[in-house]
Amino acid sequence: MKRVYNFSPGPAAIPQEVLQQAKDEMTDWRGSGLSVMEMSHRGKEFTEILATAKADLRELMAIPDNYKILFMQGGAIAENAIVPMNLIGRKPQPATIDFINTGHWSVQTIEEAHKYAKVNIAASSEDAGFTYVPARDTWKLSQDAAYVHICTNETIGGVEFDYTPDVGDVPLVADMSSNILSREIDVSKHAVIYAGAQKNIGPAGVTIVIVREDMLGHAIPACPSAFDWKQVAEHDSMYNTPPTYPIYVAGLTFQWVKRQGGVAAMEKINVAKAKLIYDYLDSTGFYINRVPAANRSRMNVPFVLHDDSLNAKFLAEAEANDLVQVKGHSSVGGMRASIYNAMPIEGVQKLVEFMKGFEKKYG
């Protein structure tokens, strides 16, 4: 069976062990005679799958007891609307939301928020093409914002927060779609964490929302019932039929992360993988990464070739070497290597060796 090294930004690689287990259980989950895709979401088999997935994620991220874990649909883009609909009701209307604008996904979140609240761009790195994270002491936060929103890792620009900002008593909301479970974080410093699954957790279709209990019960009247976090929490993520199979695969991934040694162990591996590629990029003028070292993403490494006319050759020869999905986003061009948890260090080593050979050939 042929397997390539998949550097896609999402839907992304899933651990081989997880895929094999899902294959083995495809038509008969643990003697039930049912595929997970066929199960009633309220039956004992799936409720066991859901409970185990929640317990494993709580353990992996050390999620405090006063936080609810929700499995929802619509991806992070849907949460761009669901978050304000659930949180602005805490304040007199029209409420204000503070944003730290660090790239493409921050921009999308901001555009959606304009429909529900006043928007304050407290800090932005647009002046440098979204290549850095604005220093905390430059942020101009509102006096009474409903919450502060950050995107902890921008997949397109390859920019990542390397710390959790202190915003005082204002709730901190973080879109962690592309770096959740890749590094240790203190959940208690956040009011809400949300993440689409299709990068570090599993297949597209399920969105993880980790929400502090005091953030529940503030949805505006226009919020659909299925998007009201309080309703979803009270129904244990089954107010409507949840995305059962993606939840199942996410649960397998949580168990895989535990077998690797947990999030701390994954972080060490991710640091090593990122160092391999950034060290090489810094050693050559043939490839260029424009993000300062302190703000570089461990998950998404964008780079350009010094000569754009070589792009097509690079992509074709990379694919011939079983290195796929390395083309950069259309908005920035160039290349991008997404090296999420499921990417083994051998894949990064092979990519770097290919890049060195390509430079020797065409440099």
Protein backbone atom coordinates (compact mmCIF):
# COMPACT_ATOMS: atom_id res chain seq x y z
CA MET A 1 0.00 0.00 0.00
CA LYS A 2 1.42 3.35 -1.05
CA ARG A 3 1.42 6.20 1.47
CA VAL A 4 2.84 9.64 0.71
CA TYR A 5 3.95 12.38 3.07
CA ASN A 6 0.96 14.72 3.11
CA PHE A 7 1.79 18.35 3.96
CA SER A 8 -1.78 19.58 3.43
CA PRO A 9 -2.96 22.41 5.72
CA GLY A 10 -6.32 20.70 6.14
CA PRO A 11 -7.98 18.35 5.83
CA ALA A 12 -4.63 17.07 6.95
CA ALA A 13 -2.79 13.84 7.63
CA ILE A 14 -4.26 11.48 10.20
CA PRO A 15 -1.96 9.13 12.15
CA GLN A 16 -1.48 5.82 10.34
CA GLU A 17 -2.38 3.87 13.49
CA VAL A 18 -5.68 5.73 13.70
CA LEU A 19 -6.53 5.06 10.08
CA GLN A 20 -5.72 1.38 10.52
CA GLN A 21 -7.89 1.07 13.63
CA ALA A 22 -10.77 2.86 11.89
CA LYS A 23 -10.35 0.47 8.96
CA ASP A 24 -10.36 -2.58 11.23
CA GLU A 25 -13.51 -1.38 13.00
CA MET A 26 -15.27 -0.04 9.91
CA THR A 27 -17.93 -2.71 9.58
CA ASP A 28 -18.00 -4.03 13.15
CA TRP A 29 -17.20 -1.79 16.09
CA ARG A 30 -15.95 -4.04 18.89
CA GLY A 31 -18.34 -6.90 18.28
CA SER A 32 -21.46 -4.75 18.02
CA GLY A 33 -22.10 -5.83 14.45
CA LEU A 34 -22.43 -2.14 13.54
CA SER A 35 -20.28 0.43 11.85
CA VAL A 36 -19.99 3.63 13.88
CA MET A 37 -21.58 5.38 10.91
CA GLU A 38 -24.71 3.26 11.40
CA MET A 39 -25.12 3.67 15.14
CA SER A 40 -27.86 5.60 16.84
CA HIS A 41 -26.20 8.59 18.45
CA ARG A 42 -28.25 7.82 21.57
CA GLY A 43 -27.40 4.15 21.69
CA LYS A 44 -25.07 2.71 24.33
CA GLU A 45 -22.27 2.12 21.81
CA PHE A 46 -21.99 5.69 20.62
CA THR A 47 -22.58 7.23 24.03
CA GLU A 48 -19.57 5.20 25.19
CA ILE A 49 -17.50 6.54 22.26
CA LEU A 50 -18.52 10.12 23.06
CA ALA A 51 -17.88 9.83 26.80
CA THR A 52 -14.44 8.31 26.22
CA ALA A 53 -13.48 10.99 23.71
CA LYS A 54 -14.47 13.76 26.12
CA ALA A 55 -12.63 12.16 29.03
CA ASP A 56 -9.47 11.67 26.98
CA LEU A 57 -9.47 15.25 25.69
CA ARG A 58 -10.03 16.57 29.22
CA GLU A 59 -7.06 14.52 30.42
CA LEU A 60 -4.79 15.51 27.51
CA MET A 61 -5.39 19.24 27.91
CA ALA A 62 -5.86 19.22 31.70
CA ILE A 63 -9.24 20.90 31.19
CA PRO A 64 -10.64 22.06 34.56
CA ASP A 65 -13.94 20.68 35.82
CA ASN A 66 -15.69 24.03 35.37
CA TYR A 67 -15.33 23.82 31.58
CA LYS A 68 -17.70 22.06 29.22
CA ILE A 69 -16.46 20.17 26.16
CA LEU A 70 -18.82 20.46 23.21
CA PHE A 71 -18.71 18.60 19.90
CA MET A 72 -20.37 20.80 17.28
CA GLN A 73 -20.70 21.16 13.52
CA GLY A 74 -19.87 23.91 11.04
CA GLY A 75 -16.13 24.24 11.59
CA ALA A 76 -14.32 27.27 12.95
CA ILE A 77 -16.00 29.47 10.34
CA ALA A 78 -19.40 28.71 11.85
CA GLU A 79 -17.98 29.48 15.30
CA ASN A 80 -17.07 32.94 13.96
CA ALA A 81 -20.80 33.61 14.24
CA ILE A 82 -21.64 31.24 17.08
CA VAL A 83 -19.07 32.77 19.45
CA PRO A 84 -20.45 36.33 19.35
CA MET A 85 -24.04 35.10 19.41
CA ASN A 86 -23.24 33.30 22.68
CA LEU A 87 -21.09 35.94 24.36
CA ILE A 88 -22.23 39.45 23.48
CA GLY A 89 -25.42 38.95 25.51
CA ARG A 90 -23.27 39.39 28.62
CA LYS A 91 -23.03 43.13 27.87
CA PRO A 92 -25.43 45.99 27.09
CA GLN A 93 -26.07 46.18 23.35
CA PRO A 94 -24.38 46.99 21.11
CA ALA A 95 -21.46 45.16 22.68
CA THR A 96 -17.83 45.57 21.65
CA ILE A 97 -15.42 42.77 20.76
CA ASP A 98 -11.65 43.28 20.79
CA PHE A 99 -9.64 41.50 18.09
CA ILE A 100 -5.95 40.87 17.56
CA ASN A 101 -5.60 40.71 13.79
CA THR A 102 -2.75 38.40 12.80
CA GLY A 103 -3.81 37.12 9.38
CA HIS A 104 -6.35 35.63 7.02
CA TRP A 105 -8.40 33.73 9.61
CA SER A 106 -8.45 36.67 11.99
CA VAL A 107 -9.76 38.82 9.14
CA GLN A 108 -12.57 36.35 8.42
CA THR A 109 -13.52 36.26 12.09
CA ILE A 110 -13.59 40.04 12.27
CA GLU A 111 -15.74 40.36 9.16
CA GLU A 112 -18.33 37.99 10.63
CA ALA A 113 -18.33 39.73 14.02
CA HIS A 114 -19.36 43.03 12.42
CA LYS A 115 -22.83 41.50 11.94
CA TYR A 116 -23.35 41.15 15.70
CA ALA A 117 -21.30 43.74 17.55
CA LYS A 118 -18.98 46.69 17.45
CA VAL A 119 -15.48 45.65 16.49
CA ASN A 120 -12.28 47.09 17.91
CA ILE A 121 -9.03 46.07 16.24
CA ALA A 122 -6.87 46.28 19.35
CA ALA A 123 -3.71 45.34 17.44
CA SER A 124 -2.82 44.25 13.93
CA SER A 125 0.18 43.02 11.98
CA GLU A 126 -1.31 43.96 8.62
CA ASP A 127 1.35 46.66 8.25
CA ALA A 128 3.95 43.93 7.63
CA GLY A 129 1.80 41.56 5.63
CA PHE A 130 0.72 39.58 8.70
CA THR A 131 4.21 38.24 9.39
CA TYR A 132 4.33 38.76 13.15
CA VAL A 133 2.30 38.78 16.37
CA PRO A 134 1.86 42.30 17.77
CA ALA A 135 3.59 42.68 21.14
CA ARG A 136 1.17 42.62 24.07
CA ASP A 137 2.19 46.11 25.25
CA THR A 138 1.01 47.58 21.93
CA TRP A 139 -2.58 46.33 22.24
CA LYS A 140 -5.25 49.00 22.66
CA LEU A 141 -8.04 47.08 24.36
CA SER A 142 -11.51 48.48 25.02
CA GLN A 143 -12.60 49.34 28.54
CA ASP A 144 -15.60 47.00 28.61
CA ALA A 145 -15.30 44.48 25.78
CA ALA A 146 -17.46 41.37 25.74
CA TYR A 147 -14.29 39.39 25.01
CA VAL A 148 -10.88 39.48 23.36
CA HIS A 149 -10.37 37.18 20.36
CA ILE A 150 -7.10 35.74 19.07
CA CYS A 151 -6.21 33.15 16.45
CA THR A 152 -3.32 31.30 18.06
CA ASN A 153 -1.92 29.98 14.76
CA GLU A 154 -2.47 31.43 11.29
CA THR A 155 -2.15 28.58 8.80
CA ILE A 156 -1.61 30.77 5.74
CA GLY A 157 0.95 33.22 7.10
CA GLY A 158 2.69 30.73 9.36
CA VAL A 159 2.43 32.98 12.43
CA GLU A 160 1.84 31.55 15.92
CA PHE A 161 1.38 32.93 19.42
CA ASP A 162 4.12 31.47 21.62
CA TYR A 163 2.37 32.58 24.80
CA THR A 164 -1.11 33.09 26.24
CA PRO A 165 -1.77 36.83 26.57
CA ASP A 166 -3.01 38.32 29.82
CA VAL A 167 -6.16 40.36 29.17
CA GLY A 168 -7.20 40.83 32.76
CA ASP A 169 -10.80 40.08 33.67
CA VAL A 170 -12.02 40.18 30.07
CA PRO A 171 -12.80 36.71 28.66
CA LEU A 172 -10.12 35.46 26.25
CA VAL A 173 -11.44 33.52 23.25
CA ALA A 174 -9.00 31.57 21.09
CA ASP A 175 -9.34 29.92 17.72
CA MET A 176 -6.87 27.02 18.06
CA SER A 177 -7.92 25.11 14.96
CA SER A 178 -4.41 24.54 13.68
CA ASN A 179 -2.32 24.09 16.81
CA ILE A 180 -4.59 22.44 19.38
CA LEU A 181 -2.87 19.42 21.03
CA SER A 182 0.47 20.45 19.51
CA ARG A 183 1.78 22.30 22.55
CA GLU A 184 0.93 22.60 26.22
CA ILE A 185 -1.40 25.47 27.14
CA ASP A 186 -3.14 26.61 30.31
CA VAL A 187 -6.83 26.20 29.52
CA SER A 188 -7.79 28.16 32.65
CA LYS A 189 -6.42 31.36 31.06
CA HIS A 190 -9.11 31.13 28.39
CA ALA A 191 -12.87 31.57 28.58
CA VAL A 192 -13.42 29.75 25.28
CA ILE A 193 -11.23 27.64 23.01
CA TYR A 194 -12.55 26.36 19.71
CA ALA A 195 -11.02 24.31 16.93
CA GLY A 196 -12.02 22.66 13.70
CA ALA A 197 -10.86 19.05 13.82
CA GLN A 198 -9.37 18.69 10.37
CA LYS A 199 -5.79 19.64 11.19
CA ASN A 200 -4.65 18.01 14.44
CA ILE A 201 -7.65 15.99 15.58
CA GLY A 202 -9.34 14.07 12.78
CA PRO A 203 -11.54 14.38 9.71
CA ALA A 204 -13.50 17.49 8.81
CA GLY A 205 -17.00 17.65 10.23
CA VAL A 206 -16.63 18.15 13.97
CA THR A 207 -15.64 21.27 15.89
CA ILE A 208 -14.36 21.20 19.46
CA VAL A 209 -15.57 23.97 21.79
CA ILE A 210 -14.12 24.19 25.30
CA VAL A 211 -16.14 26.75 27.24
CA ARG A 212 -16.02 27.93 30.84
CA GLU A 213 -19.37 27.41 32.52
CA ASP A 214 -19.92 31.07 33.37
CA MET A 215 -19.88 31.79 29.64
CA LEU A 216 -23.03 29.71 29.15
CA GLY A 217 -26.55 31.12 29.17
CA HIS A 218 -25.82 34.47 27.51
CA ALA A 219 -26.90 33.75 23.94
CA ILE A 220 -28.74 36.53 22.15
CA PRO A 221 -32.39 35.80 21.21
CA ALA A 222 -31.49 35.40 17.52
CA CYS A 223 -29.06 32.56 18.25
CA PRO A 224 -30.38 29.27 16.81
CA SER A 225 -31.05 26.68 19.50
CA ALA A 226 -28.58 24.23 17.95
CA PHE A 227 -25.83 26.86 18.28
CA ASP A 228 -26.65 27.89 21.85
CA TRP A 229 -23.76 26.48 23.90
CA LYS A 230 -25.97 26.15 26.97
CA GLN A 231 -28.43 24.00 25.05
CA VAL A 232 -25.64 21.92 23.53
CA ALA A 233 -23.99 21.44 26.93
CA GLU A 234 -27.24 20.47 28.64
CA HIS A 235 -27.86 17.85 25.94
CA ASP A 236 -24.28 16.49 26.10
CA SER A 237 -23.56 17.58 22.51
CA MET A 238 -26.65 15.75 21.28
CA TYR A 239 -29.23 18.51 21.00
CA ASN A 240 -29.24 17.52 17.34
CA THR A 241 -27.54 14.50 15.73
CA PRO A 242 -23.81 15.07 16.15
CA PRO A 243 -21.16 14.21 13.53
CA THR A 244 -20.74 10.72 14.92
CA TYR A 245 -17.99 9.30 12.72
CA PRO A 246 -15.68 12.35 12.97
CA ILE A 247 -16.15 12.26 16.76
CA TYR A 248 -15.19 8.58 16.73
CA VAL A 249 -12.00 9.24 14.73
CA ALA A 250 -11.19 12.23 16.95
CA GLY A 251 -11.47 9.90 19.93
CA LEU A 252 -9.04 7.47 18.31
CA THR A 253 -6.64 10.37 17.74
CA PHE A 254 -6.86 11.41 21.40
CA GLN A 255 -5.91 7.86 22.37
CA TRP A 256 -3.02 7.94 19.88
CA VAL A 257 -1.71 11.18 21.40
CA LYS A 258 -1.87 9.56 24.83
CA ARG A 259 0.18 6.62 23.54
CA GLN A 260 2.83 9.04 22.26
CA GLY A 261 3.21 10.40 25.79
CA GLY A 262 0.60 13.15 25.76
CA VAL A 263 0.73 16.77 24.66
CA ALA A 264 4.09 17.46 26.31
CA ALA A 265 5.69 14.68 24.28
CA MET A 266 3.99 15.88 21.09
CA GLU A 267 5.35 19.36 21.72
CA LYS A 268 8.93 18.09 21.92
CA ILE A 269 8.50 16.28 18.62
CA ASN A 270 6.92 19.33 17.02
CA VAL A 271 9.77 21.56 18.19
CA ALA A 272 12.25 19.13 16.63
CA LYS A 273 10.35 18.96 13.34
CA ALA A 274 10.03 22.72 13.05
CA LYS A 275 13.71 23.22 13.90
CA LEU A 276 14.76 20.92 11.07
CA ILE A 277 13.03 22.95 8.41
CA TYR A 278 13.60 26.43 9.84
CA ASP A 279 17.31 25.79 10.41
CA TYR A 280 17.66 24.88 6.76
CA LEU A 281 15.60 27.85 5.57
CA ASP A 282 17.80 30.16 7.63
CA SER A 283 20.95 28.70 6.10
CA THR A 284 20.11 29.47 2.48
CA GLY A 285 19.03 32.32 0.26
CA PHE A 286 17.42 29.96 -2.22
CA TYR A 287 14.30 29.71 -0.03
CA ILE A 288 12.89 32.53 2.09
CA ASN A 289 10.64 32.57 5.16
CA ARG A 290 9.59 36.09 6.19
CA VAL A 291 8.31 35.40 9.72
CA PRO A 292 10.53 36.46 12.66
CA ALA A 293 11.87 33.50 14.63
CA ALA A 294 9.84 34.38 17.75
CA ASN A 295 6.53 34.23 15.85
CA ARG A 296 7.13 31.27 13.56
CA SER A 297 4.50 28.57 13.50
CA ARG A 298 5.49 25.06 14.45
CA MET A 299 2.56 23.75 12.43
CA ASN A 300 2.66 25.66 9.13
CA VAL A 301 5.93 26.66 7.48
CA PRO A 302 5.45 28.96 4.46
CA PHE A 303 8.38 29.76 2.20
CA VAL A 304 9.05 31.13 -1.26
CA LEU A 305 11.71 30.24 -3.77
CA HIS A 306 14.08 33.04 -4.74
CA ASP A 307 12.94 32.48 -8.34
CA ASP A 308 9.17 32.09 -8.82
CA SER A 309 9.70 30.52 -12.23
CA LEU A 310 10.88 27.38 -10.43
CA ASN A 311 7.61 26.90 -8.53
CA ALA A 312 6.04 24.47 -10.98
CA LYS A 313 9.21 22.37 -11.13
CA PHE A 314 9.44 22.30 -7.35
CA LEU A 315 5.88 21.07 -6.96
CA ALA A 316 6.16 18.47 -9.70
CA GLU A 317 9.44 17.05 -8.42
CA ALA A 318 8.22 17.10 -4.82
CA GLU A 319 5.17 15.06 -5.79
CA ALA A 320 7.38 12.65 -7.74
CA ASN A 321 9.21 12.13 -4.44
CA ASP A 322 5.94 11.42 -2.57
CA LEU A 323 5.90 14.87 -0.93
CA VAL A 324 2.43 16.23 -1.65
CA GLN A 325 0.26 19.28 -0.91
CA VAL A 326 3.16 21.72 -0.43
CA LYS A 327 1.75 24.50 -2.59
CA GLY A 328 1.19 27.73 -0.68
CA HIS A 329 -2.16 29.46 -0.33
CA SER A 330 -3.21 31.41 -3.40
CA SER A 331 -3.25 34.68 -1.44
CA VAL A 332 0.47 34.51 -0.66
CA GLY A 333 1.90 32.09 -3.22
CA GLY A 334 5.05 30.08 -2.77
CA MET A 335 5.09 26.89 -0.73
CA ARG A 336 3.84 25.75 2.64
CA ALA A 337 4.68 22.67 4.66
CA SER A 338 2.04 21.85 7.25
CA ILE A 339 3.64 19.59 9.83
CA TYR A 340 0.88 18.78 12.28
CA ASN A 341 1.07 16.08 14.95
CA ALA A 342 0.45 13.27 12.47
CA MET A 343 3.43 14.23 10.28
CA PRO A 344 6.34 11.99 11.37
CA ILE A 345 9.77 13.51 11.68
CA GLU A 346 10.88 11.27 8.81
CA GLY A 347 8.55 13.20 6.51
CA VAL A 348 10.15 16.51 7.47
CA GLN A 349 13.62 15.00 7.03
CA LYS A 350 12.69 13.80 3.55
CA LEU A 351 11.28 17.22 2.63
CA VAL A 352 14.43 19.02 3.78
CA GLU A 353 16.65 16.59 1.87
CA PHE A 354 14.53 17.14 -1.23
CA MET A 355 14.79 20.93 -0.80
CA LYS A 356 18.56 20.69 -0.50
CA GLY A 357 18.77 18.56 -3.63
CA PHE A 358 16.47 20.93 -5.52
CA GLU A 359 18.66 23.87 -4.53
CA LYS A 360 21.80 22.05 -5.65
CA LYS A 361 20.13 21.26 -8.98
CA TYR A 362 18.71 24.70 -9.76
CA GLY A 363 20.50 27.13 -7.47
